[in-house]
Amino acid sequence: MALDPMFYLLSGLIVAGDLIAALFFLKFWRRSADTLFAIFAAAFLLLALGQALLALTNVPVEERSWIYLLRLAAFVLIIAGIVHKNRAD
């Protein structure tokens, strides 16, 4: 099943944005050594990986649920990082 070329363009933009966000959070983590920034960087890397897999693999729509588990893991990481940060203070 061939997808619209616009899908690939937008997926590439999303992946690039997620990778840039991850790099910014890694830079903040190196400066402050705050684990929240490292957790956010890992979450954005998972989001980028999930979007890249979605665009690059030719998996039918019905069988894509395992890709969305990466997004779920990213959001769980973000929530866990925020809860950990609030409990640590």
C-alpha atoms as a PDB file:
ATOM      1  CA  MET A   1       0.000   0.000   0.000  1.00  0.00           C
ATOM      2  CA  ALA A   2       1.641   3.228  -1.125  1.00  0.00           C
ATOM      3  CA  LEU A   3       1.077   6.246   1.053  1.00  0.00           C
ATOM      4  CA  ASP A   4       0.854   9.855   0.049  1.00  0.00           C
ATOM      5  CA  PRO A   5       4.270  11.550  -0.295  1.00  0.00           C
ATOM      6  CA  MET A   6       3.012  14.260   2.084  1.00  0.00           C
ATOM      7  CA  PHE A   7       2.841  11.610   4.821  1.00  0.00           C
ATOM      8  CA  TYR A   8       6.542  10.899   4.417  1.00  0.00           C
ATOM      9  CA  LEU A   9       7.405  14.601   4.422  1.00  0.00           C
ATOM     10  CA  LEU A  10       5.416  15.296   7.565  1.00  0.00           C
ATOM     11  CA  SER A  11       6.762  12.176   9.262  1.00  0.00           C
ATOM     12  CA  GLY A  12      10.298  13.332   8.527  1.00  0.00           C
ATOM     13  CA  LEU A  13       9.531  16.748   9.997  1.00  0.00           C
ATOM     14  CA  ILE A  14       8.089  15.163  13.127  1.00  0.00           C
ATOM     15  CA  VAL A  15      11.117  12.886  13.532  1.00  0.00           C
ATOM     16  CA  ALA A  16      13.487  15.823  13.049  1.00  0.00           C
ATOM     17  CA  GLY A  17      11.560  17.899  15.597  1.00  0.00           C
ATOM     18  CA  ASP A  18      11.603  15.079  18.139  1.00  0.00           C
ATOM     19  CA  LEU A  19      15.345  14.562  17.653  1.00  0.00           C
ATOM     20  CA  ILE A  20      16.038  18.284  18.054  1.00  0.00           C
ATOM     21  CA  ALA A  21      13.979  18.349  21.249  1.00  0.00           C
ATOM     22  CA  ALA A  22      15.889  15.310  22.540  1.00  0.00           C
ATOM     23  CA  LEU A  23      19.207  17.026  21.809  1.00  0.00           C
ATOM     24  CA  PHE A  24      18.120  20.170  23.666  1.00  0.00           C
ATOM     25  CA  PHE A  25      17.080  18.114  26.688  1.00  0.00           C
ATOM     26  CA  LEU A  26      20.394  16.229  26.589  1.00  0.00           C
ATOM     27  CA  LYS A  27      22.225  19.570  26.558  1.00  0.00           C
ATOM     28  CA  PHE A  28      20.204  20.782  29.559  1.00  0.00           C
ATOM     29  CA  TRP A  29      20.860  17.485  31.330  1.00  0.00           C
ATOM     30  CA  ARG A  30      24.626  17.792  30.812  1.00  0.00           C
ATOM     31  CA  ARG A  31      24.566  21.322  32.247  1.00  0.00           C
ATOM     32  CA  SER A  32      22.366  20.657  35.257  1.00  0.00           C
ATOM     33  CA  ALA A  33      22.641  16.874  35.853  1.00  0.00           C
ATOM     34  CA  ASP A  34      18.888  16.867  36.497  1.00  0.00           C
ATOM     35  CA  THR A  35      17.413  13.468  35.675  1.00  0.00           C
ATOM     36  CA  LEU A  36      14.164  15.028  34.473  1.00  0.00           C
ATOM     37  CA  PHE A  37      15.972  16.349  31.397  1.00  0.00           C
ATOM     38  CA  ALA A  38      17.476  12.924  30.681  1.00  0.00           C
ATOM     39  CA  ILE A  39      14.045  11.322  30.981  1.00  0.00           C
ATOM     40  CA  PHE A  40      12.550  13.893  28.611  1.00  0.00           C
ATOM     41  CA  ALA A  41      15.377  13.252  26.135  1.00  0.00           C
ATOM     42  CA  ALA A  42      14.728   9.508  26.261  1.00  0.00           C
ATOM     43  CA  ALA A  43      10.998  10.093  25.768  1.00  0.00           C
ATOM     44  CA  PHE A  44      11.578  12.256  22.698  1.00  0.00           C
ATOM     45  CA  LEU A  45      13.963   9.646  21.299  1.00  0.00           C
ATOM     46  CA  LEU A  46      11.226   7.024  21.696  1.00  0.00           C
ATOM     47  CA  LEU A  47       8.729   9.318  19.973  1.00  0.00           C
ATOM     48  CA  ALA A  48      11.164   9.854  17.086  1.00  0.00           C
ATOM     49  CA  LEU A  49      11.793   6.130  16.796  1.00  0.00           C
ATOM     50  CA  GLY A  50       8.076   5.371  16.751  1.00  0.00           C
ATOM     51  CA  GLN A  51       7.352   7.928  14.041  1.00  0.00           C
ATOM     52  CA  ALA A  52      10.317   6.781  11.956  1.00  0.00           C
ATOM     53  CA  LEU A  53       9.195   3.153  12.178  1.00  0.00           C
ATOM     54  CA  LEU A  54       5.680   4.177  11.254  1.00  0.00           C
ATOM     55  CA  ALA A  55       6.916   5.946   8.128  1.00  0.00           C
ATOM     56  CA  LEU A  56       9.650   3.532   7.057  1.00  0.00           C
ATOM     57  CA  THR A  57       7.969   0.180   7.570  1.00  0.00           C
ATOM     58  CA  ASN A  58       5.202  -0.964   5.305  1.00  0.00           C
ATOM     59  CA  VAL A  59       3.074  -2.437   8.067  1.00  0.00           C
ATOM     60  CA  PRO A  60      -0.688  -2.605   7.460  1.00  0.00           C
ATOM     61  CA  VAL A  61      -2.813  -0.381   9.669  1.00  0.00           C
ATOM     62  CA  GLU A  62      -4.242  -3.323  11.599  1.00  0.00           C
ATOM     63  CA  GLU A  63      -0.768  -4.508  12.679  1.00  0.00           C
ATOM     64  CA  ARG A  64       0.721  -1.190  13.829  1.00  0.00           C
ATOM     65  CA  SER A  65      -0.244  -1.468  17.489  1.00  0.00           C
ATOM     66  CA  TRP A  66       3.283  -2.467  18.566  1.00  0.00           C
ATOM     67  CA  ILE A  67       4.604   0.805  17.126  1.00  0.00           C
ATOM     68  CA  TYR A  68       2.167   2.798  19.226  1.00  0.00           C
ATOM     69  CA  LEU A  69       3.472   1.040  22.334  1.00  0.00           C
ATOM     70  CA  LEU A  70       6.641   3.125  21.859  1.00  0.00           C
ATOM     71  CA  ARG A  71       4.537   6.277  22.148  1.00  0.00           C
ATOM     72  CA  LEU A  72       2.858   4.885  25.238  1.00  0.00           C
ATOM     73  CA  ALA A  73       6.276   4.167  26.760  1.00  0.00           C
ATOM     74  CA  ALA A  74       7.394   7.724  25.971  1.00  0.00           C
ATOM     75  CA  PHE A  75       4.380   9.267  27.673  1.00  0.00           C
ATOM     76  CA  VAL A  76       4.734   6.948  30.666  1.00  0.00           C
ATOM     77  CA  LEU A  77       8.376   8.038  30.922  1.00  0.00           C
ATOM     78  CA  ILE A  78       7.339  11.700  30.915  1.00  0.00           C
ATOM     79  CA  ILE A  79       4.706  11.148  33.598  1.00  0.00           C
ATOM     80  CA  ALA A  80       7.096   9.078  35.724  1.00  0.00           C
ATOM     81  CA  GLY A  81       9.805  11.735  35.374  1.00  0.00           C
ATOM     82  CA  ILE A  82       7.460  14.498  36.492  1.00  0.00           C
ATOM     83  CA  VAL A  83       6.198  12.462  39.442  1.00  0.00           C
ATOM     84  CA  HIS A  84       9.780  11.585  40.425  1.00  0.00           C
ATOM     85  CA  LYS A  85      10.843  15.236  40.206  1.00  0.00           C
ATOM     86  CA  ASN A  86       7.915  16.407  42.358  1.00  0.00           C
ATOM     87  CA  ARG A  87       8.538  13.756  44.999  1.00  0.00           C
ATOM     88  CA  ALA A  88      12.272  14.467  45.112  1.00  0.00           C
ATOM     89  CA  ASP A  89      11.729  18.141  45.989  1.00  0.00           C
END
